Amino acid sequence: MSFIDFDFSNEEDKITGYIHMYMTINGVMSIEKLVSILNEHHNFDVNESKVRDLVDDLLDVEVKGNNLVIKGVPDYIVKNYIQCKSKILEYRILDDLDAVEEEQQNSYFKVKSLFEDYITSEVFEMSIPMMLANGMDKKSFNKILKEFKVTLGNKEVTDLYRKFKELEKDFRMWVYNGFSINELLEMKESDKLKDICIDEVTLKIGGIL
C-alpha cells in the first residue's frame, strides 16, 4: 500500500482518490459495494465499468472477478477476507480523505519510530501499512523479528509487541471494513457494536471480545 497525493481539481481524480482510500482501509472490496458507497455517500454517479477503468490508474489495486484487491494479496487470503468481511454489516464511510490519510500516516510513522532502533530496512518500512491493516499475532510478530535478524530477550519482545498492538488499535483494519479496533471498542461501550458486527469470531481477531 502507498500514500498518494491526488489533485482533486477534476471529478475523475476525486473519484480515483476515494477508490484508493477505500481500498487502503479495506484491502478487499466488492466493486458493487464500492459503487454503492461512492454514489450514495459521496454523490458521485459511477457504475462498475467506470470504477474498473479508474482502477487502471492505481498502481497498487487490481480487479479480481467482482472484487477490487490490493496487489500482492494471495487468492486464499482474499477468499478468507471476503468471508470475514461479510460478517461486518457496515463499511466505514470516509468523510474527509485528507484527515484519514493523515491519520494513517501518523500510525505508520509511529510504528516506524518504534522499530527504528532494531530495524533499518526499506523493505520493512514498506510492509508496515500491511502489518497494521492485517493485524499481527505474537507468532507473526516473532517471525518478522527473525526475518530481519532482530535479537531480543523475551521481556523485550513482549514489551515491543505490546506497544505495537496499542498502535495497531488506531489503524483502519481490512477485516473490519475500515473501522479501527478503537472505534469498535467505543461502539462496544455504547452498546452499538451489535449494529455493526454479528460475528464473535471476527471480533476476537482484534481482541474486541
C-alpha atoms as a PDB file:
ATOM      1  CA  MET A   1       0.000   0.000   0.000  1.00  0.00           C
ATOM      2  CA  SER A   2       1.135   3.524  -0.618  1.00  0.00           C
ATOM      3  CA  PHE A   3       0.238   7.065   0.378  1.00  0.00           C
ATOM      4  CA  ILE A   4      -0.698   9.116  -2.688  1.00  0.00           C
ATOM      5  CA  ASP A   5      -1.483  12.789  -3.232  1.00  0.00           C
ATOM      6  CA  PHE A   6      -4.343  13.361  -5.644  1.00  0.00           C
ATOM      7  CA  ASP A   7      -5.237  16.527  -7.500  1.00  0.00           C
ATOM      8  CA  PHE A   8      -8.946  16.964  -6.827  1.00  0.00           C
ATOM      9  CA  SER A   9      -9.381  19.661  -9.463  1.00  0.00           C
ATOM     10  CA  ASN A  10     -11.448  17.334 -11.618  1.00  0.00           C
ATOM     11  CA  GLU A  11     -14.152  14.773 -10.937  1.00  0.00           C
ATOM     12  CA  GLU A  12     -12.257  11.699 -12.093  1.00  0.00           C
ATOM     13  CA  ASP A  13      -9.267  12.461  -9.875  1.00  0.00           C
ATOM     14  CA  LYS A  14     -11.601  12.892  -6.918  1.00  0.00           C
ATOM     15  CA  ILE A  15     -13.338   9.569  -7.557  1.00  0.00           C
ATOM     16  CA  THR A  16      -9.970   7.854  -8.009  1.00  0.00           C
ATOM     17  CA  GLY A  17      -8.821   9.342  -4.694  1.00  0.00           C
ATOM     18  CA  TYR A  18     -11.836   7.888  -2.904  1.00  0.00           C
ATOM     19  CA  ILE A  19     -11.333   4.491  -4.548  1.00  0.00           C
ATOM     20  CA  HIS A  20      -7.700   4.475  -3.459  1.00  0.00           C
ATOM     21  CA  MET A  21      -8.505   5.367   0.142  1.00  0.00           C
ATOM     22  CA  TYR A  22     -11.377   2.883   0.439  1.00  0.00           C
ATOM     23  CA  MET A  23      -9.036   0.185  -0.836  1.00  0.00           C
ATOM     24  CA  THR A  24      -6.295   1.290   1.571  1.00  0.00           C
ATOM     25  CA  ILE A  25      -8.583   0.724   4.549  1.00  0.00           C
ATOM     26  CA  ASN A  26     -10.371  -2.355   3.191  1.00  0.00           C
ATOM     27  CA  GLY A  27      -7.815  -4.367   1.219  1.00  0.00           C
ATOM     28  CA  VAL A  28     -10.578  -6.351  -0.488  1.00  0.00           C
ATOM     29  CA  MET A  29     -13.893  -4.855  -1.550  1.00  0.00           C
ATOM     30  CA  SER A  30     -16.667  -5.842  -3.930  1.00  0.00           C
ATOM     31  CA  ILE A  31     -16.979  -3.436  -6.857  1.00  0.00           C
ATOM     32  CA  GLU A  32     -20.751  -3.410  -6.395  1.00  0.00           C
ATOM     33  CA  LYS A  33     -20.444  -2.271  -2.772  1.00  0.00           C
ATOM     34  CA  LEU A  34     -17.866   0.386  -3.610  1.00  0.00           C
ATOM     35  CA  VAL A  35     -20.061   1.794  -6.386  1.00  0.00           C
ATOM     36  CA  SER A  36     -22.971   1.936  -3.941  1.00  0.00           C
ATOM     37  CA  ILE A  37     -20.894   3.842  -1.353  1.00  0.00           C
ATOM     38  CA  LEU A  38     -19.474   6.291  -3.906  1.00  0.00           C
ATOM     39  CA  ASN A  39     -22.924   7.133  -5.230  1.00  0.00           C
ATOM     40  CA  GLU A  40     -24.966   7.112  -2.018  1.00  0.00           C
ATOM     41  CA  HIS A  41     -22.493   8.731   0.375  1.00  0.00           C
ATOM     42  CA  HIS A  42     -20.309  10.871  -1.867  1.00  0.00           C
ATOM     43  CA  ASN A  43     -22.828  11.972  -4.509  1.00  0.00           C
ATOM     44  CA  PHE A  44     -20.928  10.584  -7.491  1.00  0.00           C
ATOM     45  CA  ASP A  45     -22.607   9.000 -10.494  1.00  0.00           C
ATOM     46  CA  VAL A  46     -20.468   5.996 -11.374  1.00  0.00           C
ATOM     47  CA  ASN A  47     -21.093   2.418 -12.449  1.00  0.00           C
ATOM     48  CA  GLU A  48     -18.995  -0.727 -12.139  1.00  0.00           C
ATOM     49  CA  SER A  49     -17.467  -0.257 -15.588  1.00  0.00           C
ATOM     50  CA  LYS A  50     -16.287   3.250 -14.662  1.00  0.00           C
ATOM     51  CA  VAL A  51     -14.686   2.020 -11.416  1.00  0.00           C
ATOM     52  CA  ARG A  52     -12.874  -0.745 -13.289  1.00  0.00           C
ATOM     53  CA  ASP A  53     -11.493   1.834 -15.726  1.00  0.00           C
ATOM     54  CA  LEU A  54     -10.317   4.186 -12.968  1.00  0.00           C
ATOM     55  CA  VAL A  55      -8.554   1.378 -11.118  1.00  0.00           C
ATOM     56  CA  ASP A  56      -6.134   1.185 -14.059  1.00  0.00           C
ATOM     57  CA  ASP A  57      -4.608   4.441 -12.717  1.00  0.00           C
ATOM     58  CA  LEU A  58      -3.870   2.881  -9.315  1.00  0.00           C
ATOM     59  CA  LEU A  59      -0.566   1.028  -9.137  1.00  0.00           C
ATOM     60  CA  ASP A  60      -1.430  -0.984  -6.008  1.00  0.00           C
ATOM     61  CA  VAL A  61      -5.022  -2.048  -6.797  1.00  0.00           C
ATOM     62  CA  GLU A  62      -6.249  -4.699  -9.217  1.00  0.00           C
ATOM     63  CA  VAL A  63      -9.541  -6.235 -10.327  1.00  0.00           C
ATOM     64  CA  LYS A  64     -10.145  -9.875  -9.411  1.00  0.00           C
ATOM     65  CA  GLY A  65     -13.524 -11.060 -10.616  1.00  0.00           C
ATOM     66  CA  ASN A  66     -16.160  -8.898  -8.955  1.00  0.00           C
ATOM     67  CA  ASN A  67     -13.750  -7.521  -6.351  1.00  0.00           C
ATOM     68  CA  LEU A  68     -11.015  -4.941  -6.068  1.00  0.00           C
ATOM     69  CA  VAL A  69      -7.920  -6.205  -4.270  1.00  0.00           C
ATOM     70  CA  ILE A  70      -4.650  -4.686  -3.076  1.00  0.00           C
ATOM     71  CA  LYS A  71      -1.973  -6.143  -5.341  1.00  0.00           C
ATOM     72  CA  GLY A  72       0.177  -8.875  -3.884  1.00  0.00           C
ATOM     73  CA  VAL A  73      -2.502 -10.345  -1.609  1.00  0.00           C
ATOM     74  CA  PRO A  74      -2.711 -14.127  -2.288  1.00  0.00           C
ATOM     75  CA  ASP A  75      -6.023 -15.533  -3.522  1.00  0.00           C
ATOM     76  CA  TYR A  76      -6.544 -17.716  -0.426  1.00  0.00           C
ATOM     77  CA  ILE A  77      -6.245 -14.638   1.812  1.00  0.00           C
ATOM     78  CA  VAL A  78      -8.665 -12.732  -0.417  1.00  0.00           C
ATOM     79  CA  LYS A  79     -11.130 -15.591  -0.005  1.00  0.00           C
ATOM     80  CA  ASN A  80     -10.727 -15.544   3.796  1.00  0.00           C
ATOM     81  CA  TYR A  81     -11.222 -11.788   3.923  1.00  0.00           C
ATOM     82  CA  ILE A  82     -14.370 -11.903   1.803  1.00  0.00           C
ATOM     83  CA  GLN A  83     -15.798 -14.438   4.249  1.00  0.00           C
ATOM     84  CA  CYS A  84     -14.822 -12.459   7.381  1.00  0.00           C
ATOM     85  CA  LYS A  85     -15.823  -9.071   5.983  1.00  0.00           C
ATOM     86  CA  SER A  86     -19.292 -10.358   5.128  1.00  0.00           C
ATOM     87  CA  LYS A  87     -19.923 -10.607   8.898  1.00  0.00           C
ATOM     88  CA  ILE A  88     -19.412  -6.835   9.286  1.00  0.00           C
ATOM     89  CA  LEU A  89     -22.728  -5.221   8.447  1.00  0.00           C
ATOM     90  CA  GLU A  90     -21.373  -1.743   7.699  1.00  0.00           C
ATOM     91  CA  TYR A  91     -18.398  -0.150   5.974  1.00  0.00           C
ATOM     92  CA  ARG A  92     -16.535   2.788   7.485  1.00  0.00           C
ATOM     93  CA  ILE A  93     -17.664   5.788   5.438  1.00  0.00           C
ATOM     94  CA  LEU A  94     -14.935   8.335   4.734  1.00  0.00           C
ATOM     95  CA  ASP A  95     -15.934  11.955   5.219  1.00  0.00           C
ATOM     96  CA  ASP A  96     -12.541  13.635   4.937  1.00  0.00           C
ATOM     97  CA  LEU A  97      -9.874  11.977   2.790  1.00  0.00           C
ATOM     98  CA  ASP A  98      -7.111  14.302   3.969  1.00  0.00           C
ATOM     99  CA  ALA A  99      -7.885  13.570   7.624  1.00  0.00           C
ATOM    100  CA  VAL A 100      -7.906   9.804   7.082  1.00  0.00           C
ATOM    101  CA  GLU A 101      -4.701   9.967   5.050  1.00  0.00           C
ATOM    102  CA  GLU A 102      -3.015  11.948   7.826  1.00  0.00           C
ATOM    103  CA  GLU A 103      -4.318   9.535  10.448  1.00  0.00           C
ATOM    104  CA  GLN A 104      -2.946   6.522   8.544  1.00  0.00           C
ATOM    105  CA  GLN A 105       0.411   8.194   8.010  1.00  0.00           C
ATOM    106  CA  ASN A 106       0.673   9.098  11.697  1.00  0.00           C
ATOM    107  CA  SER A 107       0.203   5.443  12.639  1.00  0.00           C
ATOM    108  CA  TYR A 108       2.784   4.427  10.051  1.00  0.00           C
ATOM    109  CA  PHE A 109       5.418   6.818  11.380  1.00  0.00           C
ATOM    110  CA  LYS A 110       4.752   5.805  14.992  1.00  0.00           C
ATOM    111  CA  VAL A 111       5.405   2.161  14.134  1.00  0.00           C
ATOM    112  CA  LYS A 112       8.460   3.106  12.099  1.00  0.00           C
ATOM    113  CA  SER A 113       9.767   5.033  15.107  1.00  0.00           C
ATOM    114  CA  LEU A 114       9.012   2.096  17.419  1.00  0.00           C
ATOM    115  CA  PHE A 115      11.268  -0.177  15.382  1.00  0.00           C
ATOM    116  CA  GLU A 116      13.964   2.295  14.349  1.00  0.00           C
ATOM    117  CA  ASP A 117      16.441   1.043  16.988  1.00  0.00           C
ATOM    118  CA  TYR A 118      16.067  -2.525  15.744  1.00  0.00           C
ATOM    119  CA  ILE A 119      15.344  -2.486  12.004  1.00  0.00           C
ATOM    120  CA  THR A 120      16.608  -0.147   9.293  1.00  0.00           C
ATOM    121  CA  SER A 121      15.222  -1.582   6.083  1.00  0.00           C
ATOM    122  CA  GLU A 122      13.145  -0.097   3.279  1.00  0.00           C
ATOM    123  CA  VAL A 123      11.518  -3.492   2.794  1.00  0.00           C
ATOM    124  CA  PHE A 124      10.356  -3.452   6.415  1.00  0.00           C
ATOM    125  CA  GLU A 125       9.153   0.144   6.166  1.00  0.00           C
ATOM    126  CA  MET A 126       7.098  -0.726   3.084  1.00  0.00           C
ATOM    127  CA  SER A 127       5.498  -3.613   4.985  1.00  0.00           C
ATOM    128  CA  ILE A 128       4.327  -1.507   7.942  1.00  0.00           C
ATOM    129  CA  PRO A 129       0.918  -0.498   6.481  1.00  0.00           C
ATOM    130  CA  MET A 130       0.180  -4.146   5.683  1.00  0.00           C
ATOM    131  CA  MET A 131       1.214  -5.193   9.200  1.00  0.00           C
ATOM    132  CA  LEU A 132      -1.181  -2.653  10.695  1.00  0.00           C
ATOM    133  CA  ALA A 133      -4.072  -3.236   8.293  1.00  0.00           C
ATOM    134  CA  ASN A 134      -3.997  -7.000   8.775  1.00  0.00           C
ATOM    135  CA  GLY A 135      -3.154  -7.143  12.470  1.00  0.00           C
ATOM    136  CA  MET A 136      -0.423  -9.360  13.889  1.00  0.00           C
ATOM    137  CA  ASP A 137      -0.498 -12.159  16.403  1.00  0.00           C
ATOM    138  CA  LYS A 138       2.567 -12.931  18.531  1.00  0.00           C
ATOM    139  CA  LYS A 139       3.714 -15.731  16.218  1.00  0.00           C
ATOM    140  CA  SER A 140       3.670 -13.466  13.133  1.00  0.00           C
ATOM    141  CA  PHE A 141       5.391 -10.717  15.108  1.00  0.00           C
ATOM    142  CA  ASN A 142       8.223 -13.053  16.128  1.00  0.00           C
ATOM    143  CA  LYS A 143       8.538 -14.166  12.510  1.00  0.00           C
ATOM    144  CA  ILE A 144       9.071 -10.545  11.422  1.00  0.00           C
ATOM    145  CA  LEU A 145      11.772 -10.068  14.060  1.00  0.00           C
ATOM    146  CA  LYS A 146      13.502 -13.251  12.944  1.00  0.00           C
ATOM    147  CA  GLU A 147      13.277 -12.294   9.267  1.00  0.00           C
ATOM    148  CA  PHE A 148      15.061  -9.007   9.943  1.00  0.00           C
ATOM    149  CA  LYS A 149      17.546 -10.614  12.327  1.00  0.00           C
ATOM    150  CA  VAL A 150      16.392  -8.793  15.461  1.00  0.00           C
ATOM    151  CA  THR A 151      17.720 -10.484  18.590  1.00  0.00           C
ATOM    152  CA  LEU A 152      15.938  -9.543  21.802  1.00  0.00           C
ATOM    153  CA  GLY A 153      15.161 -11.187  25.112  1.00  0.00           C
ATOM    154  CA  ASN A 154      11.669 -12.463  25.849  1.00  0.00           C
ATOM    155  CA  LYS A 155      10.801  -9.477  28.032  1.00  0.00           C
ATOM    156  CA  GLU A 156      11.927  -7.003  25.363  1.00  0.00           C
ATOM    157  CA  VAL A 157       9.967  -8.823  22.663  1.00  0.00           C
ATOM    158  CA  THR A 158       6.857  -8.860  24.848  1.00  0.00           C
ATOM    159  CA  ASP A 159       7.201  -5.131  25.550  1.00  0.00           C
ATOM    160  CA  LEU A 160       7.753  -4.293  21.871  1.00  0.00           C
ATOM    161  CA  TYR A 161       4.777  -6.419  20.851  1.00  0.00           C
ATOM    162  CA  ARG A 162       2.536  -4.742  23.450  1.00  0.00           C
ATOM    163  CA  LYS A 163       3.480  -1.292  22.137  1.00  0.00           C
ATOM    164  CA  PHE A 164       2.839  -2.384  18.550  1.00  0.00           C
ATOM    165  CA  LYS A 165      -0.609  -3.748  19.454  1.00  0.00           C
ATOM    166  CA  GLU A 166      -1.527  -0.416  21.054  1.00  0.00           C
ATOM    167  CA  LEU A 167      -0.589   1.444  17.863  1.00  0.00           C
ATOM    168  CA  GLU A 168      -2.466  -1.125  15.804  1.00  0.00           C
ATOM    169  CA  LYS A 169      -5.725  -0.173  17.517  1.00  0.00           C
ATOM    170  CA  ASP A 170      -5.835   3.219  15.776  1.00  0.00           C
ATOM    171  CA  PHE A 171      -5.252   1.845  12.271  1.00  0.00           C
ATOM    172  CA  ARG A 172      -8.180   1.036   9.985  1.00  0.00           C
ATOM    173  CA  MET A 173      -8.242  -2.726   9.578  1.00  0.00           C
ATOM    174  CA  TRP A 174      -9.224  -4.671   6.497  1.00  0.00           C
ATOM    175  CA  VAL A 175     -11.120  -7.368   8.347  1.00  0.00           C
ATOM    176  CA  TYR A 176     -13.320  -4.702   9.972  1.00  0.00           C
ATOM    177  CA  ASN A 177     -14.294  -2.939   6.731  1.00  0.00           C
ATOM    178  CA  GLY A 178     -12.172   0.098   7.510  1.00  0.00           C
ATOM    179  CA  PHE A 179     -13.148   0.517  11.165  1.00  0.00           C
ATOM    180  CA  SER A 180     -10.318   0.685  13.680  1.00  0.00           C
ATOM    181  CA  ILE A 181     -10.232  -1.503  16.768  1.00  0.00           C
ATOM    182  CA  ASN A 182     -10.629   1.576  18.958  1.00  0.00           C
ATOM    183  CA  GLU A 183     -13.753   2.632  17.048  1.00  0.00           C
ATOM    184  CA  LEU A 184     -15.303  -0.791  17.571  1.00  0.00           C
ATOM    185  CA  LEU A 185     -14.339  -0.753  21.252  1.00  0.00           C
ATOM    186  CA  GLU A 186     -16.150   2.584  21.606  1.00  0.00           C
ATOM    187  CA  MET A 187     -19.205   1.032  19.949  1.00  0.00           C
ATOM    188  CA  LYS A 188     -18.993  -1.859  22.377  1.00  0.00           C
ATOM    189  CA  GLU A 189     -19.043   0.574  25.308  1.00  0.00           C
ATOM    190  CA  SER A 190     -22.110   2.362  23.911  1.00  0.00           C
ATOM    191  CA  ASP A 191     -23.853  -0.904  23.008  1.00  0.00           C
ATOM    192  CA  LYS A 192     -23.810  -0.075  19.292  1.00  0.00           C
ATOM    193  CA  LEU A 193     -21.479  -2.879  18.282  1.00  0.00           C
ATOM    194  CA  LYS A 194     -24.321  -5.291  17.523  1.00  0.00           C
ATOM    195  CA  ASP A 195     -25.426  -2.928  14.764  1.00  0.00           C
ATOM    196  CA  ILE A 196     -22.034  -3.275  13.059  1.00  0.00           C
ATOM    197  CA  CYS A 197     -20.921  -6.870  13.570  1.00  0.00           C
ATOM    198  CA  ILE A 198     -22.774 -10.078  14.405  1.00  0.00           C
ATOM    199  CA  ASP A 199     -19.817 -12.479  14.468  1.00  0.00           C
ATOM    200  CA  GLU A 200     -17.878 -13.070  17.701  1.00  0.00           C
ATOM    201  CA  VAL A 201     -15.024 -14.932  15.977  1.00  0.00           C
ATOM    202  CA  THR A 202     -14.313 -11.939  13.735  1.00  0.00           C
ATOM    203  CA  LEU A 203     -14.378  -9.560  16.690  1.00  0.00           C
ATOM    204  CA  LYS A 204     -11.929 -11.732  18.640  1.00  0.00           C
ATOM    205  CA  ILE A 205      -9.325 -11.226  15.895  1.00  0.00           C
ATOM    206  CA  GLY A 206      -8.696  -7.707  17.185  1.00  0.00           C
ATOM    207  CA  GLY A 207      -9.282  -8.537  20.841  1.00  0.00           C
ATOM    208  CA  ILE A 208     -12.607  -6.703  20.900  1.00  0.00           C
ATOM    209  CA  LEU A 209     -14.306  -9.613  22.650  1.00  0.00           C
END
